[in-house]
Amino acid sequence: MKKLIALLLIVVLGVTLVACGPDKQPAIDKFNETKTAFNEVANAINADPEAFDAELIDVMVEMSENLAADKEKLENDDLTQEELDAMMAWYDDVLEWTDSVKEAYGLE
């Protein structure tokens, strides 16, 4: 009987761990950090679009679309850890890019 109860507990524990999936909170936090940095650059562009070249604006539009899609995924989808890791790596790239834009255009 003890073995049966132990086996049942192991199965229940295994099911709860699988059902939980990966923790999205680190990706959500990194998304929010990225969105804030992105919005600082976007606000500067919106305030004076003539001060920025068209290629930079095109990149911003593309990033905006990607961020919107990621927001939707983070809110609604069950994501794998690999997908979350890829998102966070891209957010690191965006943060690095926004820092370089801020420096190049004197936005800091």
PDB file of N, CA and C in Angstrom:
ATOM      1  N   MET A   1       0.824  -1.195   0.000  1.00  0.00           N
ATOM      2  CA  MET A   1       0.000   0.000   0.000  1.00  0.00           C
ATOM      3  C   MET A   1       0.876   1.271   0.000  1.00  0.00           C
ATOM      4  N   LYS A   2       1.947   1.236   0.784  1.00  0.00           N
ATOM      5  CA  LYS A   2       2.838   2.394   0.849  1.00  0.00           C
ATOM      6  C   LYS A   2       3.478   2.672  -0.512  1.00  0.00           C
ATOM      7  N   LYS A   3       3.857   1.596  -1.196  1.00  0.00           N
ATOM      8  CA  LYS A   3       4.453   1.768  -2.515  1.00  0.00           C
ATOM      9  C   LYS A   3       3.463   2.385  -3.496  1.00  0.00           C
ATOM     10  N   LEU A   4       2.206   1.981  -3.404  1.00  0.00           N
ATOM     11  CA  LEU A   4       1.174   2.525  -4.278  1.00  0.00           C
ATOM     12  C   LEU A   4       0.965   4.015  -4.004  1.00  0.00           C
ATOM     13  N   ILE A   5       0.919   4.392  -2.750  1.00  0.00           N
ATOM     14  CA  ILE A   5       0.751   5.805  -2.389  1.00  0.00           C
ATOM     15  C   ILE A   5       1.966   6.615  -2.837  1.00  0.00           C
ATOM     16  N   ALA A   6       3.157   6.077  -2.635  1.00  0.00           N
ATOM     17  CA  ALA A   6       4.376   6.774  -3.065  1.00  0.00           C
ATOM     18  C   ALA A   6       4.387   6.950  -4.577  1.00  0.00           C
ATOM     19  N   LEU A   7       4.001   5.920  -5.307  1.00  0.00           N
ATOM     20  CA  LEU A   7       3.948   6.010  -6.757  1.00  0.00           C
ATOM     21  C   LEU A   7       2.923   7.042  -7.206  1.00  0.00           C
ATOM     22  N   LEU A   8       1.778   7.048  -6.556  1.00  0.00           N
ATOM     23  CA  LEU A   8       0.731   8.017  -6.874  1.00  0.00           C
ATOM     24  C   LEU A   8       1.214   9.447  -6.619  1.00  0.00           C
ATOM     25  N   LEU A   9       1.901   9.673  -5.521  1.00  0.00           N
ATOM     26  CA  LEU A   9       2.431  11.005  -5.215  1.00  0.00           C
ATOM     27  C   LEU A   9       3.467  11.439  -6.252  1.00  0.00           C
ATOM     28  N   ILE A  10       4.301  10.517  -6.692  1.00  0.00           N
ATOM     29  CA  ILE A  10       5.305  10.842  -7.706  1.00  0.00           C
ATOM     30  C   ILE A  10       4.629  11.233  -9.015  1.00  0.00           C
ATOM     31  N   VAL A  11       3.608  10.495  -9.397  1.00  0.00           N
ATOM     32  CA  VAL A  11       2.877  10.805 -10.630  1.00  0.00           C
ATOM     33  C   VAL A  11       2.214  12.172 -10.531  1.00  0.00           C
ATOM     34  N   VAL A  12       1.567  12.458  -9.413  1.00  0.00           N
ATOM     35  CA  VAL A  12       0.893  13.750  -9.225  1.00  0.00           C
ATOM     36  C   VAL A  12       1.909  14.887  -9.260  1.00  0.00           C
ATOM     37  N   LEU A  13       3.034  14.709  -8.588  1.00  0.00           N
ATOM     38  CA  LEU A  13       4.077  15.737  -8.596  1.00  0.00           C
ATOM     39  C   LEU A  13       4.612  15.959 -10.006  1.00  0.00           C
ATOM     40  N   GLY A  14       4.840  14.882 -10.735  1.00  0.00           N
ATOM     41  CA  GLY A  14       5.327  14.999 -12.113  1.00  0.00           C
ATOM     42  C   GLY A  14       4.344  15.718 -13.009  1.00  0.00           C
ATOM     43  N   VAL A  15       3.060  15.435 -12.849  1.00  0.00           N
ATOM     44  CA  VAL A  15       2.036  16.095 -13.660  1.00  0.00           C
ATOM     45  C   VAL A  15       1.974  17.578 -13.333  1.00  0.00           C
ATOM     46  N   THR A  16       2.068  17.946 -12.079  1.00  0.00           N
ATOM     47  CA  THR A  16       1.997  19.365 -11.727  1.00  0.00           C
ATOM     48  C   THR A  16       3.209  20.118 -12.246  1.00  0.00           C
ATOM     49  N   LEU A  17       4.366  19.497 -12.244  1.00  0.00           N
ATOM     50  CA  LEU A  17       5.557  20.162 -12.780  1.00  0.00           C
ATOM     51  C   LEU A  17       5.453  20.353 -14.285  1.00  0.00           C
ATOM     52  N   VAL A  18       4.939  19.376 -14.982  1.00  0.00           N
ATOM     53  CA  VAL A  18       4.779  19.498 -16.434  1.00  0.00           C
ATOM     54  C   VAL A  18       3.715  20.520 -16.768  1.00  0.00           C
ATOM     55  N   ALA A  19       2.643  20.557 -16.006  1.00  0.00           N
ATOM     56  CA  ALA A  19       1.538  21.477 -16.278  1.00  0.00           C
ATOM     57  C   ALA A  19       1.943  22.928 -16.067  1.00  0.00           C
ATOM     58  N   CYS A  20       2.857  23.173 -15.187  1.00  0.00           N
ATOM     59  CA  CYS A  20       3.254  24.547 -14.883  1.00  0.00           C
ATOM     60  C   CYS A  20       4.022  25.181 -16.033  1.00  0.00           C
ATOM     61  N   GLY A  21       4.892  24.436 -16.673  1.00  0.00           N
ATOM     62  CA  GLY A  21       5.684  24.982 -17.765  1.00  0.00           C
ATOM     63  C   GLY A  21       6.745  25.937 -17.243  1.00  0.00           C
ATOM     64  N   PRO A  22       7.470  26.562 -18.161  1.00  0.00           N
ATOM     65  CA  PRO A  22       8.539  27.477 -17.759  1.00  0.00           C
ATOM     66  C   PRO A  22       7.970  28.779 -17.190  1.00  0.00           C
ATOM     67  N   ASP A  23       8.778  29.422 -16.375  1.00  0.00           N
ATOM     68  CA  ASP A  23       8.385  30.689 -15.758  1.00  0.00           C
ATOM     69  C   ASP A  23       8.565  31.818 -16.767  1.00  0.00           C
ATOM     70  N   LYS A  24       7.482  32.501 -17.089  1.00  0.00           N
ATOM     71  CA  LYS A  24       7.531  33.595 -18.068  1.00  0.00           C
ATOM     72  C   LYS A  24       7.968  34.916 -17.441  1.00  0.00           C
ATOM     73  N   GLN A  25       7.981  35.014 -16.120  1.00  0.00           N
ATOM     74  CA  GLN A  25       8.227  36.300 -15.470  1.00  0.00           C
ATOM     75  C   GLN A  25       9.553  36.957 -15.864  1.00  0.00           C
ATOM     76  N   PRO A  26      10.666  36.209 -15.931  1.00  0.00           N
ATOM     77  CA  PRO A  26      11.908  36.865 -16.371  1.00  0.00           C
ATOM     78  C   PRO A  26      11.784  37.471 -17.775  1.00  0.00           C
ATOM     79  N   ALA A  27      11.094  36.780 -18.674  1.00  0.00           N
ATOM     80  CA  ALA A  27      10.906  37.306 -20.031  1.00  0.00           C
ATOM     81  C   ALA A  27      10.000  38.534 -20.009  1.00  0.00           C
ATOM     82  N   ILE A  28       8.981  38.503 -19.164  1.00  0.00           N
ATOM     83  CA  ILE A  28       8.077  39.653 -19.044  1.00  0.00           C
ATOM     84  C   ILE A  28       8.842  40.860 -18.505  1.00  0.00           C
ATOM     85  N   ASP A  29       9.677  40.632 -17.486  1.00  0.00           N
ATOM     86  CA  ASP A  29      10.475  41.731 -16.922  1.00  0.00           C
ATOM     87  C   ASP A  29      11.429  42.307 -17.971  1.00  0.00           C
ATOM     88  N   LYS A  30      12.092  41.427 -18.741  1.00  0.00           N
ATOM     89  CA  LYS A  30      13.028  41.879 -19.770  1.00  0.00           C
ATOM     90  C   LYS A  30      12.268  42.601 -20.890  1.00  0.00           C
ATOM     91  N   PHE A  31      11.062  42.120 -21.214  1.00  0.00           N
ATOM     92  CA  PHE A  31      10.227  42.785 -22.215  1.00  0.00           C
ATOM     93  C   PHE A  31       9.911  44.207 -21.757  1.00  0.00           C
ATOM     94  N   ASN A  32       9.507  44.361 -20.501  1.00  0.00           N
ATOM     95  CA  ASN A  32       9.163  45.693 -19.986  1.00  0.00           C
ATOM     96  C   ASN A  32      10.361  46.631 -19.996  1.00  0.00           C
ATOM     97  N   GLU A  33      11.529  46.124 -19.643  1.00  0.00           N
ATOM     98  CA  GLU A  33      12.754  46.930 -19.682  1.00  0.00           C
ATOM     99  C   GLU A  33      13.053  47.364 -21.122  1.00  0.00           C
ATOM    100  N   THR A  34      12.915  46.419 -22.040  1.00  0.00           N
ATOM    101  CA  THR A  34      13.178  46.693 -23.453  1.00  0.00           C
ATOM    102  C   THR A  34      12.175  47.695 -24.012  1.00  0.00           C
ATOM    103  N   LYS A  35      10.915  47.508 -23.670  1.00  0.00           N
ATOM    104  CA  LYS A  35       9.864  48.401 -24.148  1.00  0.00           C
ATOM    105  C   LYS A  35      10.113  49.828 -23.670  1.00  0.00           C
ATOM    106  N   THR A  36      10.557  49.986 -22.434  1.00  0.00           N
ATOM    107  CA  THR A  36      10.842  51.315 -21.890  1.00  0.00           C
ATOM    108  C   THR A  36      11.973  51.988 -22.669  1.00  0.00           C
ATOM    109  N   ALA A  37      13.067  51.261 -22.896  1.00  0.00           N
ATOM    110  CA  ALA A  37      14.200  51.822 -23.644  1.00  0.00           C
ATOM    111  C   ALA A  37      13.792  52.126 -25.086  1.00  0.00           C
ATOM    112  N   PHE A  38      13.035  51.223 -25.687  1.00  0.00           N
ATOM    113  CA  PHE A  38      12.557  51.421 -27.057  1.00  0.00           C
ATOM    114  C   PHE A  38      11.681  52.667 -27.141  1.00  0.00           C
ATOM    115  N   ASN A  39      10.780  52.834 -26.181  1.00  0.00           N
ATOM    116  CA  ASN A  39       9.873  53.984 -26.189  1.00  0.00           C
ATOM    117  C   ASN A  39      10.605  55.306 -26.018  1.00  0.00           C
ATOM    118  N   GLU A  40      11.721  55.314 -25.288  1.00  0.00           N
ATOM    119  CA  GLU A  40      12.515  56.539 -25.156  1.00  0.00           C
ATOM    120  C   GLU A  40      13.031  56.988 -26.525  1.00  0.00           C
ATOM    121  N   VAL A  41      13.521  56.035 -27.305  1.00  0.00           N
ATOM    122  CA  VAL A  41      14.012  56.361 -28.652  1.00  0.00           C
ATOM    123  C   VAL A  41      12.838  56.741 -29.551  1.00  0.00           C
ATOM    124  N   ALA A  42      11.742  55.987 -29.471  1.00  0.00           N
ATOM    125  CA  ALA A  42      10.571  56.271 -30.308  1.00  0.00           C
ATOM    126  C   ALA A  42      10.012  57.663 -30.016  1.00  0.00           C
ATOM    127  N   ASN A  43       9.978  58.041 -28.753  1.00  0.00           N
ATOM    128  CA  ASN A  43       9.482  59.379 -28.393  1.00  0.00           C
ATOM    129  C   ASN A  43      10.375  60.477 -28.966  1.00  0.00           C
ATOM    130  N   ALA A  44      11.685  60.256 -28.944  1.00  0.00           N
ATOM    131  CA  ALA A  44      12.616  61.238 -29.525  1.00  0.00           C
ATOM    132  C   ALA A  44      12.406  61.345 -31.031  1.00  0.00           C
ATOM    133  N   ILE A  45      12.196  60.209 -31.682  1.00  0.00           N
ATOM    134  CA  ILE A  45      11.944  60.234 -33.126  1.00  0.00           C
ATOM    135  C   ILE A  45      10.630  60.943 -33.427  1.00  0.00           C
ATOM    136  N   ASN A  46       9.612  60.651 -32.670  1.00  0.00           N
ATOM    137  CA  ASN A  46       8.305  61.288 -32.893  1.00  0.00           C
ATOM    138  C   ASN A  46       8.363  62.790 -32.651  1.00  0.00           C
ATOM    139  N   ALA A  47       9.206  63.222 -31.729  1.00  0.00           N
ATOM    140  CA  ALA A  47       9.326  64.647 -31.433  1.00  0.00           C
ATOM    141  C   ALA A  47      10.020  65.406 -32.562  1.00  0.00           C
ATOM    142  N   ASP A  48      10.979  64.752 -33.242  1.00  0.00           N
ATOM    143  CA  ASP A  48      11.719  65.413 -34.312  1.00  0.00           C
ATOM    144  C   ASP A  48      12.153  64.389 -35.361  1.00  0.00           C
ATOM    145  N   PRO A  49      11.229  63.909 -36.179  1.00  0.00           N
ATOM    146  CA  PRO A  49      11.562  62.850 -37.131  1.00  0.00           C
ATOM    147  C   PRO A  49      12.630  63.237 -38.146  1.00  0.00           C
ATOM    148  N   GLU A  50      12.753  64.511 -38.452  1.00  0.00           N
ATOM    149  CA  GLU A  50      13.750  64.960 -39.426  1.00  0.00           C
ATOM    150  C   GLU A  50      15.179  64.780 -38.920  1.00  0.00           C
ATOM    151  N   ALA A  51      15.364  64.630 -37.619  1.00  0.00           N
ATOM    152  CA  ALA A  51      16.701  64.480 -37.049  1.00  0.00           C
ATOM    153  C   ALA A  51      17.242  63.058 -37.187  1.00  0.00           C
ATOM    154  N   PHE A  52      16.407  62.133 -37.648  1.00  0.00           N
ATOM    155  CA  PHE A  52      16.792  60.729 -37.733  1.00  0.00           C
ATOM    156  C   PHE A  52      16.687  60.249 -39.178  1.00  0.00           C
ATOM    157  N   ASP A  53      17.598  59.344 -39.552  1.00  0.00           N
ATOM    158  CA  ASP A  53      17.551  58.866 -40.935  1.00  0.00           C
ATOM    159  C   ASP A  53      16.442  57.828 -41.121  1.00  0.00           C
ATOM    160  N   ALA A  54      16.046  57.640 -42.366  1.00  0.00           N
ATOM    161  CA  ALA A  54      14.915  56.772 -42.708  1.00  0.00           C
ATOM    162  C   ALA A  54      15.186  55.315 -42.342  1.00  0.00           C
ATOM    163  N   GLU A  55      16.422  54.872 -42.481  1.00  0.00           N
ATOM    164  CA  GLU A  55      16.757  53.486 -42.143  1.00  0.00           C
ATOM    165  C   GLU A  55      16.520  53.212 -40.660  1.00  0.00           C
ATOM    166  N   LEU A  56      16.911  54.144 -39.816  1.00  0.00           N
ATOM    167  CA  LEU A  56      16.690  54.003 -38.382  1.00  0.00           C
ATOM    168  C   LEU A  56      15.187  53.928 -38.085  1.00  0.00           C
ATOM    169  N   ILE A  57      14.415  54.746 -38.732  1.00  0.00           N
ATOM    170  CA  ILE A  57      12.966  54.742 -38.522  1.00  0.00           C
ATOM    171  C   ILE A  57      12.371  53.418 -38.990  1.00  0.00           C
ATOM    172  N   ASP A  58      12.863  52.883 -40.113  1.00  0.00           N
ATOM    173  CA  ASP A  58      12.382  51.584 -40.594  1.00  0.00           C
ATOM    174  C   ASP A  58      12.685  50.469 -39.591  1.00  0.00           C
ATOM    175  N   VAL A  59      13.875  50.500 -39.018  1.00  0.00           N
ATOM    176  CA  VAL A  59      14.240  49.507 -38.004  1.00  0.00           C
ATOM    177  C   VAL A  59      13.321  49.644 -36.789  1.00  0.00           C
ATOM    178  N   MET A  60      13.035  50.864 -36.411  1.00  0.00           N
ATOM    179  CA  MET A  60      12.138  51.091 -35.266  1.00  0.00           C
ATOM    180  C   MET A  60      10.743  50.531 -35.536  1.00  0.00           C
ATOM    181  N   VAL A  61      10.252  50.705 -36.732  1.00  0.00           N
ATOM    182  CA  VAL A  61       8.927  50.184 -37.081  1.00  0.00           C
ATOM    183  C   VAL A  61       8.929  48.658 -36.995  1.00  0.00           C
ATOM    184  N   GLU A  62       9.973  48.039 -37.533  1.00  0.00           N
ATOM    185  CA  GLU A  62      10.075  46.582 -37.487  1.00  0.00           C
ATOM    186  C   GLU A  62      10.159  46.083 -36.039  1.00  0.00           C
ATOM    187  N   MET A  63      10.973  46.748 -35.231  1.00  0.00           N
ATOM    188  CA  MET A  63      11.088  46.363 -33.825  1.00  0.00           C
ATOM    189  C   MET A  63       9.765  46.544 -33.098  1.00  0.00           C
ATOM    190  N   SER A  64       9.061  47.597 -33.412  1.00  0.00           N
ATOM    191  CA  SER A  64       7.766  47.845 -32.797  1.00  0.00           C
ATOM    192  C   SER A  64       6.800  46.701 -33.079  1.00  0.00           C
ATOM    193  N   GLU A  65       6.794  46.242 -34.321  1.00  0.00           N
ATOM    194  CA  GLU A  65       5.928  45.121 -34.696  1.00  0.00           C
ATOM    195  C   GLU A  65       6.327  43.848 -33.950  1.00  0.00           C
ATOM    196  N   ASN A  66       7.633  43.606 -33.839  1.00  0.00           N
ATOM    197  CA  ASN A  66       8.109  42.423 -33.113  1.00  0.00           C
ATOM    198  C   ASN A  66       7.764  42.497 -31.627  1.00  0.00           C
ATOM    199  N   LEU A  67       7.920  43.672 -31.039  1.00  0.00           N
ATOM    200  CA  LEU A  67       7.570  43.832 -29.625  1.00  0.00           C
ATOM    201  C   LEU A  67       6.079  43.618 -29.395  1.00  0.00           C
ATOM    202  N   ALA A  68       5.251  44.110 -30.300  1.00  0.00           N
ATOM    203  CA  ALA A  68       3.806  43.911 -30.171  1.00  0.00           C
ATOM    204  C   ALA A  68       3.460  42.426 -30.268  1.00  0.00           C
ATOM    205  N   ALA A  69       4.109  41.716 -31.184  1.00  0.00           N
ATOM    206  CA  ALA A  69       3.860  40.279 -31.317  1.00  0.00           C
ATOM    207  C   ALA A  69       4.321  39.528 -30.073  1.00  0.00           C
ATOM    208  N   ASP A  70       5.475  39.923 -29.528  1.00  0.00           N
ATOM    209  CA  ASP A  70       5.963  39.275 -28.308  1.00  0.00           C
ATOM    210  C   ASP A  70       5.048  39.546 -27.127  1.00  0.00           C
ATOM    211  N   LYS A  71       4.518  40.745 -27.042  1.00  0.00           N
ATOM    212  CA  LYS A  71       3.588  41.068 -25.956  1.00  0.00           C
ATOM    213  C   LYS A  71       2.394  40.136 -26.007  1.00  0.00           C
ATOM    214  N   GLU A  72       1.874  39.942 -27.195  1.00  0.00           N
ATOM    215  CA  GLU A  72       0.732  39.035 -27.386  1.00  0.00           C
ATOM    216  C   GLU A  72       1.094  37.611 -26.982  1.00  0.00           C
ATOM    217  N   LYS A  73       2.269  37.164 -27.402  1.00  0.00           N
ATOM    218  CA  LYS A  73       2.713  35.811 -27.051  1.00  0.00           C
ATOM    219  C   LYS A  73       2.882  35.653 -25.545  1.00  0.00           C
ATOM    220  N   LEU A  74       3.491  36.646 -24.909  1.00  0.00           N
ATOM    221  CA  LEU A  74       3.711  36.561 -23.463  1.00  0.00           C
ATOM    222  C   LEU A  74       2.400  36.567 -22.690  1.00  0.00           C
ATOM    223  N   GLU A  75       1.404  37.244 -23.216  1.00  0.00           N
ATOM    224  CA  GLU A  75       0.119  37.309 -22.526  1.00  0.00           C
ATOM    225  C   GLU A  75      -0.728  36.062 -22.752  1.00  0.00           C
ATOM    226  N   ASN A  76      -0.612  35.432 -23.929  1.00  0.00           N
ATOM    227  CA  ASN A  76      -1.586  34.412 -24.299  1.00  0.00           C
ATOM    228  C   ASN A  76      -1.034  33.023 -24.576  1.00  0.00           C
ATOM    229  N   ASP A  77       0.207  32.899 -24.967  1.00  0.00           N
ATOM    230  CA  ASP A  77       0.707  31.612 -25.433  1.00  0.00           C
ATOM    231  C   ASP A  77       1.445  30.856 -24.345  1.00  0.00           C
ATOM    232  N   ASP A  78       1.417  29.530 -24.483  1.00  0.00           N
ATOM    233  CA  ASP A  78       2.286  28.678 -23.692  1.00  0.00           C
ATOM    234  C   ASP A  78       3.588  28.577 -24.459  1.00  0.00           C
ATOM    235  N   LEU A  79       4.628  29.131 -23.905  1.00  0.00           N
ATOM    236  CA  LEU A  79       5.915  29.189 -24.589  1.00  0.00           C
ATOM    237  C   LEU A  79       6.877  28.191 -23.968  1.00  0.00           C
ATOM    238  N   THR A  80       7.747  27.647 -24.787  1.00  0.00           N
ATOM    239  CA  THR A  80       8.792  26.773 -24.273  1.00  0.00           C
ATOM    240  C   THR A  80       9.907  27.631 -23.680  1.00  0.00           C
ATOM    241  N   GLN A  81      10.760  26.990 -22.911  1.00  0.00           N
ATOM    242  CA  GLN A  81      11.892  27.718 -22.344  1.00  0.00           C
ATOM    243  C   GLN A  81      12.801  28.224 -23.452  1.00  0.00           C
ATOM    244  N   GLU A  82      12.933  27.452 -24.533  1.00  0.00           N
ATOM    245  CA  GLU A  82      13.769  27.877 -25.651  1.00  0.00           C
ATOM    246  C   GLU A  82      13.206  29.137 -26.307  1.00  0.00           C
ATOM    247  N   GLU A  83      11.891  29.195 -26.455  1.00  0.00           N
ATOM    248  CA  GLU A  83      11.270  30.388 -27.030  1.00  0.00           C
ATOM    249  C   GLU A  83      11.464  31.597 -26.124  1.00  0.00           C
ATOM    250  N   LEU A  84      11.318  31.389 -24.830  1.00  0.00           N
ATOM    251  CA  LEU A  84      11.530  32.485 -23.877  1.00  0.00           C
ATOM    252  C   LEU A  84      12.983  32.943 -23.895  1.00  0.00           C
ATOM    253  N   ASP A  85      13.911  32.004 -23.962  1.00  0.00           N
ATOM    254  CA  ASP A  85      15.339  32.355 -24.024  1.00  0.00           C
ATOM    255  C   ASP A  85      15.653  33.148 -25.293  1.00  0.00           C
ATOM    256  N   ALA A  86      15.062  32.746 -26.415  1.00  0.00           N
ATOM    257  CA  ALA A  86      15.278  33.467 -27.673  1.00  0.00           C
ATOM    258  C   ALA A  86      14.725  34.885 -27.577  1.00  0.00           C
ATOM    259  N   MET A  87      13.559  35.035 -26.972  1.00  0.00           N
ATOM    260  CA  MET A  87      12.987  36.370 -26.787  1.00  0.00           C
ATOM    261  C   MET A  87      13.923  37.235 -25.956  1.00  0.00           C
ATOM    262  N   MET A  88      14.401  36.684 -24.837  1.00  0.00           N
ATOM    263  CA  MET A  88      15.254  37.470 -23.955  1.00  0.00           C
ATOM    264  C   MET A  88      16.579  37.831 -24.629  1.00  0.00           C
ATOM    265  N   ALA A  89      17.109  36.941 -25.453  1.00  0.00           N
ATOM    266  CA  ALA A  89      18.342  37.258 -26.192  1.00  0.00           C
ATOM    267  C   ALA A  89      18.076  38.407 -27.167  1.00  0.00           C
ATOM    268  N   TRP A  90      16.919  38.385 -27.828  1.00  0.00           N
ATOM    269  CA  TRP A  90      16.574  39.474 -28.750  1.00  0.00           C
ATOM    270  C   TRP A  90      16.391  40.777 -27.979  1.00  0.00           C
ATOM    271  N   TYR A  91      15.785  40.706 -26.793  1.00  0.00           N
ATOM    272  CA  TYR A  91      15.618  41.916 -25.981  1.00  0.00           C
ATOM    273  C   TYR A  91      16.970  42.503 -25.610  1.00  0.00           C
ATOM    274  N   ASP A  92      17.938  41.643 -25.302  1.00  0.00           N
ATOM    275  CA  ASP A  92      19.295  42.137 -25.022  1.00  0.00           C
ATOM    276  C   ASP A  92      19.870  42.872 -26.230  1.00  0.00           C
ATOM    277  N   ASP A  93      19.633  42.321 -27.424  1.00  0.00           N
ATOM    278  CA  ASP A  93      20.100  42.982 -28.652  1.00  0.00           C
ATOM    279  C   ASP A  93      19.416  44.335 -28.838  1.00  0.00           C
ATOM    280  N   VAL A  94      18.123  44.388 -28.582  1.00  0.00           N
ATOM    281  CA  VAL A  94      17.382  45.651 -28.724  1.00  0.00           C
ATOM    282  C   VAL A  94      17.883  46.676 -27.716  1.00  0.00           C
ATOM    283  N   LEU A  95      18.122  46.244 -26.493  1.00  0.00           N
ATOM    284  CA  LEU A  95      18.634  47.175 -25.474  1.00  0.00           C
ATOM    285  C   LEU A  95      19.994  47.725 -25.879  1.00  0.00           C
ATOM    286  N   GLU A  96      20.851  46.861 -26.401  1.00  0.00           N
ATOM    287  CA  GLU A  96      22.171  47.310 -26.858  1.00  0.00           C
ATOM    288  C   GLU A  96      22.019  48.301 -28.019  1.00  0.00           C
ATOM    289  N   TRP A  97      21.109  47.991 -28.937  1.00  0.00           N
ATOM    290  CA  TRP A  97      20.868  48.861 -30.085  1.00  0.00           C
ATOM    291  C   TRP A  97      20.316  50.220 -29.638  1.00  0.00           C
ATOM    292  N   THR A  98      19.345  50.212 -28.730  1.00  0.00           N
ATOM    293  CA  THR A  98      18.774  51.489 -28.275  1.00  0.00           C
ATOM    294  C   THR A  98      19.824  52.319 -27.549  1.00  0.00           C
ATOM    295  N   ASP A  99      20.702  51.667 -26.794  1.00  0.00           N
ATOM    296  CA  ASP A  99      21.785  52.407 -26.133  1.00  0.00           C
ATOM    297  C   ASP A  99      22.701  53.069 -27.165  1.00  0.00           C
ATOM    298  N   SER A 100      23.008  52.342 -28.241  1.00  0.00           N
ATOM    299  CA  SER A 100      23.887  52.922 -29.261  1.00  0.00           C
ATOM    300  C   SER A 100      23.191  54.075 -29.993  1.00  0.00           C
ATOM    301  N   VAL A 101      21.881  53.963 -30.220  1.00  0.00           N
ATOM    302  CA  VAL A 101      21.138  55.054 -30.858  1.00  0.00           C
ATOM    303  C   VAL A 101      21.100  56.274 -29.943  1.00  0.00           C
ATOM    304  N   LYS A 102      20.846  56.044 -28.667  1.00  0.00           N
ATOM    305  CA  LYS A 102      20.814  57.166 -27.714  1.00  0.00           C
ATOM    306  C   LYS A 102      22.162  57.883 -27.688  1.00  0.00           C
ATOM    307  N   GLU A 103      23.234  57.112 -27.697  1.00  0.00           N
ATOM    308  CA  GLU A 103      24.573  57.718 -27.683  1.00  0.00           C
ATOM    309  C   GLU A 103      24.846  58.462 -28.987  1.00  0.00           C
ATOM    310  N   ALA A 104      24.534  57.841 -30.110  1.00  0.00           N
ATOM    311  CA  ALA A 104      24.807  58.461 -31.410  1.00  0.00           C
ATOM    312  C   ALA A 104      24.033  59.750 -31.620  1.00  0.00           C
ATOM    313  N   TYR A 105      22.832  59.811 -31.107  1.00  0.00           N
ATOM    314  CA  TYR A 105      21.977  60.982 -31.317  1.00  0.00           C
ATOM    315  C   TYR A 105      21.899  61.895 -30.090  1.00  0.00           C
ATOM    316  N   GLY A 106      22.716  61.602 -29.085  1.00  0.00           N
ATOM    317  CA  GLY A 106      22.756  62.455 -27.900  1.00  0.00           C
ATOM    318  C   GLY A 106      21.459  62.465 -27.113  1.00  0.00           C
ATOM    319  N   LEU A 107      20.832  61.319 -26.972  1.00  0.00           N
ATOM    320  CA  LEU A 107      19.541  61.243 -26.281  1.00  0.00           C
ATOM    321  C   LEU A 107      19.662  60.907 -24.812  1.00  0.00           C
ATOM    322  N   GLU A 108      20.870  60.712 -24.342  1.00  0.00           N
ATOM    323  CA  GLU A 108      21.031  60.320 -22.934  1.00  0.00           C
ATOM    324  C   GLU A 108      21.131  61.517 -22.032  1.00  0.00           C
TER     325      GLU A 108
END
